[in-house]
Amino acid sequence: MAADISVKATGPLYDGRAQKAVKAFLLAATGAVAGEGVNLVRASGRSDYKHPTGYYESHVITDLAQPDSTTVWDSDVIYGPWLEGLSSRNQSTKFKGYATFRKMTPVLAKRAGPIAYRILDRFVSRMN
């Protein structure tokens, strides 16, 4: 005598809601970390630059154009490489640059996990 067994899988894991929640979390976490990166670079510039005008600071933004990455950049401000210390002019003058982006990268890397963790609960509830 063979018994017929039927299994019906239901819930967020099977109907796609969990996958959507994971994608939404990754997008939100990436945006939050990038936003913190912008804040770090802007704050560092305000405190480090000798004659800040606000122009450069206002051009430090996030670029969300790529679907799998987010970039914090200076919108290609013409003197950005010089401020960072990556221009050929830095080699021929006394000014070696502020290295703001390079200094803030490890700071942001340490903050990224806690930033993402703070917003995780909003998305976990969608997976239950």
N, C-alpha and C. Protein backbone atom coordinates (compact mmCIF):
# COMPACT_ATOMS: atom_id res chain seq x y z
N MET A 1 0.82 -1.18 0.00
CA MET A 1 0.00 0.00 0.00
C MET A 1 0.87 1.26 0.00
N ALA A 2 0.82 1.99 -1.01
CA ALA A 2 1.59 3.23 -1.12
C ALA A 2 0.68 4.40 -0.76
N ALA A 3 1.23 5.32 0.01
CA ALA A 3 0.46 6.50 0.40
C ALA A 3 0.85 7.66 -0.49
N ASP A 4 -0.13 8.43 -0.87
CA ASP A 4 0.14 9.63 -1.64
C ASP A 4 0.44 10.78 -0.67
N ILE A 5 1.55 11.43 -0.91
CA ILE A 5 1.94 12.55 -0.07
C ILE A 5 1.98 13.79 -0.94
N SER A 6 1.42 14.85 -0.43
CA SER A 6 1.40 16.11 -1.16
C SER A 6 2.00 17.20 -0.27
N VAL A 7 2.89 17.98 -0.83
CA VAL A 7 3.52 19.08 -0.10
C VAL A 7 3.28 20.37 -0.87
N LYS A 8 2.83 21.36 -0.13
CA LYS A 8 2.62 22.66 -0.75
C LYS A 8 3.50 23.67 -0.01
N ALA A 9 4.47 24.25 -0.71
CA ALA A 9 5.37 25.23 -0.12
C ALA A 9 4.79 26.62 -0.32
N THR A 10 4.61 27.34 0.77
CA THR A 10 4.07 28.69 0.69
C THR A 10 4.92 29.63 1.54
N GLY A 11 4.73 30.88 1.36
CA GLY A 11 5.42 31.87 2.17
C GLY A 11 6.41 32.70 1.37
N PRO A 12 7.03 33.65 2.05
CA PRO A 12 7.93 34.60 1.37
C PRO A 12 9.09 33.95 0.64
N LEU A 13 9.60 32.87 1.17
CA LEU A 13 10.73 32.21 0.54
C LEU A 13 10.34 31.59 -0.80
N TYR A 14 9.11 31.16 -0.91
CA TYR A 14 8.67 30.47 -2.12
C TYR A 14 7.94 31.35 -3.12
N ASP A 15 7.36 32.44 -2.65
CA ASP A 15 6.59 33.27 -3.59
C ASP A 15 7.36 34.49 -4.09
N GLY A 16 8.63 34.61 -3.71
CA GLY A 16 9.47 35.69 -4.23
C GLY A 16 9.59 36.91 -3.34
N ARG A 17 8.78 36.98 -2.27
CA ARG A 17 8.86 38.15 -1.40
C ARG A 17 10.21 38.25 -0.68
N ALA A 18 10.77 37.12 -0.29
CA ALA A 18 12.06 37.15 0.41
C ALA A 18 13.15 37.66 -0.51
N GLN A 19 13.17 37.21 -1.74
CA GLN A 19 14.17 37.66 -2.70
C GLN A 19 14.03 39.16 -2.97
N LYS A 20 12.80 39.63 -3.07
CA LYS A 20 12.58 41.07 -3.26
C LYS A 20 13.05 41.86 -2.05
N ALA A 21 12.82 41.32 -0.86
CA ALA A 21 13.25 42.01 0.36
C ALA A 21 14.77 42.08 0.44
N VAL A 22 15.44 41.02 0.03
CA VAL A 22 16.91 41.02 0.03
C VAL A 22 17.43 42.07 -0.95
N LYS A 23 16.86 42.11 -2.13
CA LYS A 23 17.28 43.11 -3.12
C LYS A 23 17.03 44.53 -2.61
N ALA A 24 15.87 44.74 -1.99
CA ALA A 24 15.54 46.07 -1.46
C ALA A 24 16.51 46.44 -0.33
N PHE A 25 16.84 45.47 0.52
CA PHE A 25 17.80 45.73 1.60
C PHE A 25 19.17 46.12 1.05
N LEU A 26 19.64 45.37 0.07
CA LEU A 26 20.96 45.67 -0.50
C LEU A 26 20.99 47.06 -1.12
N LEU A 27 19.92 47.43 -1.79
CA LEU A 27 19.85 48.77 -2.38
C LEU A 27 19.83 49.85 -1.30
N ALA A 28 19.02 49.64 -0.27
CA ALA A 28 18.93 50.62 0.81
C ALA A 28 20.23 50.71 1.59
N ALA A 29 20.85 49.57 1.87
CA ALA A 29 22.10 49.57 2.63
C ALA A 29 23.21 50.24 1.83
N THR A 30 23.28 49.95 0.55
CA THR A 30 24.29 50.57 -0.30
C THR A 30 24.10 52.08 -0.34
N GLY A 31 22.87 52.51 -0.47
CA GLY A 31 22.57 53.94 -0.48
C GLY A 31 22.92 54.61 0.84
N ALA A 32 22.62 53.94 1.94
CA ALA A 32 22.93 54.51 3.26
C ALA A 32 24.43 54.62 3.49
N VAL A 33 25.17 53.58 3.09
CA VAL A 33 26.63 53.62 3.24
C VAL A 33 27.22 54.70 2.34
N ALA A 34 26.74 54.80 1.13
CA ALA A 34 27.24 55.84 0.22
C ALA A 34 26.91 57.23 0.76
N GLY A 35 25.74 57.39 1.32
CA GLY A 35 25.37 58.67 1.92
C GLY A 35 26.30 59.05 3.06
N GLU A 36 26.67 58.06 3.86
CA GLU A 36 27.64 58.31 4.93
C GLU A 36 29.00 58.67 4.35
N GLY A 37 29.36 58.06 3.23
CA GLY A 37 30.62 58.40 2.56
C GLY A 37 30.64 59.85 2.11
N VAL A 38 29.53 60.30 1.54
CA VAL A 38 29.43 61.71 1.13
C VAL A 38 29.58 62.61 2.35
N ASN A 39 28.90 62.27 3.43
CA ASN A 39 28.98 63.08 4.64
C ASN A 39 30.41 63.13 5.18
N LEU A 40 31.10 61.99 5.17
CA LEU A 40 32.49 61.96 5.66
C LEU A 40 33.40 62.84 4.83
N VAL A 41 33.30 62.73 3.51
CA VAL A 41 34.17 63.51 2.63
C VAL A 41 33.87 65.00 2.78
N ARG A 42 32.60 65.34 2.82
CA ARG A 42 32.23 66.75 2.96
C ARG A 42 32.72 67.32 4.30
N ALA A 43 32.51 66.58 5.38
CA ALA A 43 32.93 67.06 6.70
C ALA A 43 34.44 67.18 6.78
N SER A 44 35.15 66.24 6.21
CA SER A 44 36.61 66.29 6.21
C SER A 44 37.09 67.50 5.42
N GLY A 45 36.46 67.75 4.30
CA GLY A 45 36.83 68.91 3.49
C GLY A 45 36.61 70.22 4.22
N ARG A 46 35.47 70.31 4.93
CA ARG A 46 35.19 71.54 5.68
C ARG A 46 36.25 71.80 6.75
N SER A 47 36.73 70.73 7.37
CA SER A 47 37.69 70.92 8.46
C SER A 47 39.14 70.99 7.96
N ASP A 48 39.45 70.38 6.83
CA ASP A 48 40.84 70.28 6.37
C ASP A 48 41.24 71.35 5.35
N TYR A 49 40.33 71.68 4.44
CA TYR A 49 40.69 72.60 3.36
C TYR A 49 40.97 73.99 3.91
N LYS A 50 42.02 74.61 3.41
CA LYS A 50 42.40 75.93 3.92
C LYS A 50 41.40 77.02 3.53
N HIS A 51 40.90 76.98 2.30
CA HIS A 51 39.98 78.01 1.83
C HIS A 51 38.75 77.37 1.17
N PRO A 52 37.91 76.68 1.96
CA PRO A 52 36.75 76.03 1.34
C PRO A 52 35.73 77.05 0.86
N THR A 53 35.23 76.84 -0.34
CA THR A 53 34.23 77.75 -0.90
C THR A 53 32.83 77.14 -0.87
N GLY A 54 32.76 75.85 -0.68
CA GLY A 54 31.48 75.16 -0.73
C GLY A 54 31.17 74.56 -2.08
N TYR A 55 31.85 75.07 -3.12
CA TYR A 55 31.60 74.57 -4.47
C TYR A 55 32.00 73.09 -4.58
N TYR A 56 33.22 72.80 -4.17
CA TYR A 56 33.69 71.42 -4.28
C TYR A 56 32.83 70.50 -3.41
N GLU A 57 32.59 70.93 -2.19
CA GLU A 57 31.77 70.13 -1.27
C GLU A 57 30.41 69.83 -1.87
N SER A 58 29.80 70.78 -2.53
CA SER A 58 28.47 70.58 -3.10
C SER A 58 28.49 69.60 -4.27
N HIS A 59 29.65 69.35 -4.82
CA HIS A 59 29.75 68.42 -5.95
C HIS A 59 30.16 67.01 -5.54
N VAL A 60 30.37 66.78 -4.27
CA VAL A 60 30.64 65.42 -3.78
C VAL A 60 29.28 64.76 -3.60
N ILE A 61 29.01 63.76 -4.43
CA ILE A 61 27.70 63.11 -4.46
C ILE A 61 27.88 61.61 -4.63
N THR A 62 26.76 60.89 -4.60
CA THR A 62 26.77 59.46 -4.92
C THR A 62 26.30 59.28 -6.34
N ASP A 63 26.86 58.30 -7.00
CA ASP A 63 26.46 57.94 -8.35
C ASP A 63 25.81 56.57 -8.28
N LEU A 64 24.50 56.54 -8.49
CA LEU A 64 23.75 55.29 -8.42
C LEU A 64 23.46 54.72 -9.81
N ALA A 65 24.17 55.20 -10.81
CA ALA A 65 23.87 54.82 -12.19
C ALA A 65 24.15 53.34 -12.46
N GLN A 66 25.16 52.79 -11.83
CA GLN A 66 25.48 51.38 -12.06
C GLN A 66 24.59 50.52 -11.18
N PRO A 67 23.97 49.48 -11.72
CA PRO A 67 23.02 48.69 -10.92
C PRO A 67 23.68 47.91 -9.77
N ASP A 68 24.94 47.56 -9.88
CA ASP A 68 25.58 46.74 -8.87
C ASP A 68 26.58 47.50 -8.00
N SER A 69 26.65 48.80 -8.16
CA SER A 69 27.61 49.54 -7.34
C SER A 69 27.15 50.98 -7.16
N THR A 70 27.66 51.58 -6.13
CA THR A 70 27.39 52.98 -5.86
C THR A 70 28.74 53.63 -5.63
N THR A 71 28.95 54.78 -6.21
CA THR A 71 30.22 55.47 -6.13
C THR A 71 30.04 56.83 -5.47
N VAL A 72 30.96 57.16 -4.58
CA VAL A 72 31.02 58.51 -4.03
C VAL A 72 32.11 59.21 -4.82
N TRP A 73 31.76 60.34 -5.44
CA TRP A 73 32.74 61.02 -6.29
C TRP A 73 32.49 62.52 -6.28
N ASP A 74 33.38 63.24 -6.92
CA ASP A 74 33.32 64.70 -6.91
C ASP A 74 32.75 65.28 -8.20
N SER A 75 31.99 64.51 -8.92
CA SER A 75 31.35 64.96 -10.17
C SER A 75 32.35 65.49 -11.19
N ASP A 76 33.56 64.98 -11.14
CA ASP A 76 34.63 65.41 -12.06
C ASP A 76 34.92 66.90 -12.01
N VAL A 77 34.88 67.47 -10.81
CA VAL A 77 35.29 68.86 -10.65
C VAL A 77 36.73 68.95 -11.14
N ILE A 78 37.03 69.95 -11.94
CA ILE A 78 38.31 70.06 -12.64
C ILE A 78 39.52 70.00 -11.70
N TYR A 79 39.41 70.58 -10.53
CA TYR A 79 40.55 70.59 -9.61
C TYR A 79 40.47 69.48 -8.55
N GLY A 80 39.53 68.56 -8.71
CA GLY A 80 39.39 67.44 -7.78
C GLY A 80 40.66 66.60 -7.63
N PRO A 81 41.28 66.17 -8.74
CA PRO A 81 42.52 65.39 -8.60
C PRO A 81 43.63 66.17 -7.89
N TRP A 82 43.67 67.47 -8.09
CA TRP A 82 44.68 68.29 -7.42
C TRP A 82 44.42 68.33 -5.92
N LEU A 83 43.15 68.51 -5.51
CA LEU A 83 42.82 68.51 -4.09
C LEU A 83 43.14 67.16 -3.45
N GLU A 84 42.89 66.09 -4.19
CA GLU A 84 43.15 64.75 -3.67
C GLU A 84 44.63 64.43 -3.65
N GLY A 85 45.41 65.11 -4.48
CA GLY A 85 46.85 64.86 -4.54
C GLY A 85 47.24 63.91 -5.64
N LEU A 86 46.38 63.76 -6.64
CA LEU A 86 46.61 62.80 -7.72
C LEU A 86 46.97 63.48 -9.05
N SER A 87 47.09 64.78 -9.05
CA SER A 87 47.37 65.53 -10.27
C SER A 87 48.88 65.63 -10.49
N SER A 88 49.26 65.79 -11.74
CA SER A 88 50.69 66.00 -12.03
C SER A 88 51.18 67.31 -11.41
N ARG A 89 50.26 68.23 -11.18
CA ARG A 89 50.64 69.51 -10.54
C ARG A 89 51.12 69.29 -9.11
N ASN A 90 50.59 68.26 -8.45
CA ASN A 90 51.01 68.00 -7.07
C ASN A 90 52.48 67.58 -7.00
N GLN A 91 52.98 67.03 -8.08
CA GLN A 91 54.38 66.58 -8.10
C GLN A 91 55.34 67.75 -8.29
N SER A 92 54.85 68.81 -8.89
CA SER A 92 55.74 69.94 -9.19
C SER A 92 55.56 71.12 -8.23
N THR A 93 54.64 70.98 -7.26
CA THR A 93 54.44 72.07 -6.30
C THR A 93 54.57 71.53 -4.88
N LYS A 94 54.56 72.44 -3.94
CA LYS A 94 54.65 72.08 -2.53
C LYS A 94 53.39 71.38 -2.03
N PHE A 95 52.25 71.71 -2.64
CA PHE A 95 50.97 71.15 -2.19
C PHE A 95 50.82 69.70 -2.67
N LYS A 96 50.75 68.78 -1.73
CA LYS A 96 50.66 67.36 -2.07
C LYS A 96 49.24 66.81 -2.02
N GLY A 97 48.27 67.66 -1.73
CA GLY A 97 46.87 67.24 -1.71
C GLY A 97 46.42 66.86 -0.32
N TYR A 98 45.10 66.76 -0.17
CA TYR A 98 44.52 66.43 1.12
C TYR A 98 44.24 64.93 1.28
N ALA A 99 44.15 64.19 0.20
CA ALA A 99 43.87 62.75 0.21
C ALA A 99 42.57 62.43 0.96
N THR A 100 41.60 63.29 0.82
CA THR A 100 40.35 63.13 1.57
C THR A 100 39.65 61.82 1.26
N PHE A 101 39.48 61.50 0.00
CA PHE A 101 38.79 60.25 -0.36
C PHE A 101 39.59 59.04 0.14
N ARG A 102 40.89 59.09 -0.02
CA ARG A 102 41.73 57.96 0.42
C ARG A 102 41.73 57.80 1.93
N LYS A 103 41.65 58.90 2.66
CA LYS A 103 41.61 58.82 4.12
C LYS A 103 40.25 58.34 4.62
N MET A 104 39.19 58.71 3.94
CA MET A 104 37.85 58.37 4.40
C MET A 104 37.43 56.94 4.00
N THR A 105 38.11 56.35 3.04
CA THR A 105 37.74 54.99 2.61
C THR A 105 37.81 53.98 3.75
N PRO A 106 38.90 53.89 4.51
CA PRO A 106 38.91 52.91 5.62
C PRO A 106 37.94 53.28 6.74
N VAL A 107 37.70 54.56 6.95
CA VAL A 107 36.72 54.98 7.96
C VAL A 107 35.34 54.48 7.57
N LEU A 108 34.99 54.67 6.30
CA LEU A 108 33.69 54.22 5.81
C LEU A 108 33.59 52.70 5.84
N ALA A 109 34.66 52.01 5.53
CA ALA A 109 34.65 50.55 5.56
C ALA A 109 34.31 50.03 6.96
N LYS A 110 34.82 50.70 7.99
CA LYS A 110 34.52 50.29 9.37
C LYS A 110 33.07 50.58 9.73
N ARG A 111 32.49 51.61 9.17
CA ARG A 111 31.12 52.00 9.50
C ARG A 111 30.07 51.27 8.67
N ALA A 112 30.47 50.68 7.55
CA ALA A 112 29.50 50.09 6.62
C ALA A 112 28.65 49.00 7.26
N GLY A 113 29.28 48.08 7.97
CA GLY A 113 28.52 46.99 8.60
C GLY A 113 27.48 47.50 9.58
N PRO A 114 27.88 48.33 10.54
CA PRO A 114 26.88 48.86 11.47
C PRO A 114 25.77 49.68 10.80
N ILE A 115 26.10 50.40 9.75
CA ILE A 115 25.07 51.17 9.03
C ILE A 115 24.05 50.22 8.42
N ALA A 116 24.53 49.17 7.75
CA ALA A 116 23.63 48.20 7.13
C ALA A 116 22.81 47.47 8.19
N TYR A 117 23.44 47.13 9.29
CA TYR A 117 22.75 46.39 10.35
C TYR A 117 21.59 47.20 10.94
N ARG A 118 21.77 48.52 11.05
CA ARG A 118 20.72 49.38 11.61
C ARG A 118 19.43 49.35 10.79
N ILE A 119 19.55 49.14 9.49
CA ILE A 119 18.34 49.16 8.66
C ILE A 119 17.83 47.76 8.32
N LEU A 120 18.53 46.74 8.76
CA LEU A 120 18.18 45.36 8.41
C LEU A 120 16.80 44.95 8.90
N ASP A 121 16.41 45.35 10.10
CA ASP A 121 15.13 44.92 10.66
C ASP A 121 13.93 45.25 9.77
N ARG A 122 14.01 46.38 9.09
CA ARG A 122 12.90 46.76 8.20
C ARG A 122 12.65 45.71 7.12
N PHE A 123 13.70 45.01 6.72
CA PHE A 123 13.60 44.07 5.61
C PHE A 123 13.42 42.63 6.07
N VAL A 124 13.92 42.30 7.24
CA VAL A 124 13.77 40.94 7.77
C VAL A 124 12.30 40.63 7.98
N SER A 125 11.56 41.60 8.46
CA SER A 125 10.13 41.37 8.70
C SER A 125 9.37 40.99 7.41
N ARG A 126 9.85 41.45 6.28
CA ARG A 126 9.23 41.11 4.99
C ARG A 126 9.50 39.67 4.59
N MET A 127 10.51 39.06 5.20
CA MET A 127 10.87 37.68 4.84
C MET A 127 10.19 36.65 5.72
N ASN A 128 9.49 37.08 6.73
CA ASN A 128 8.82 36.13 7.65
C ASN A 128 7.40 35.87 7.25
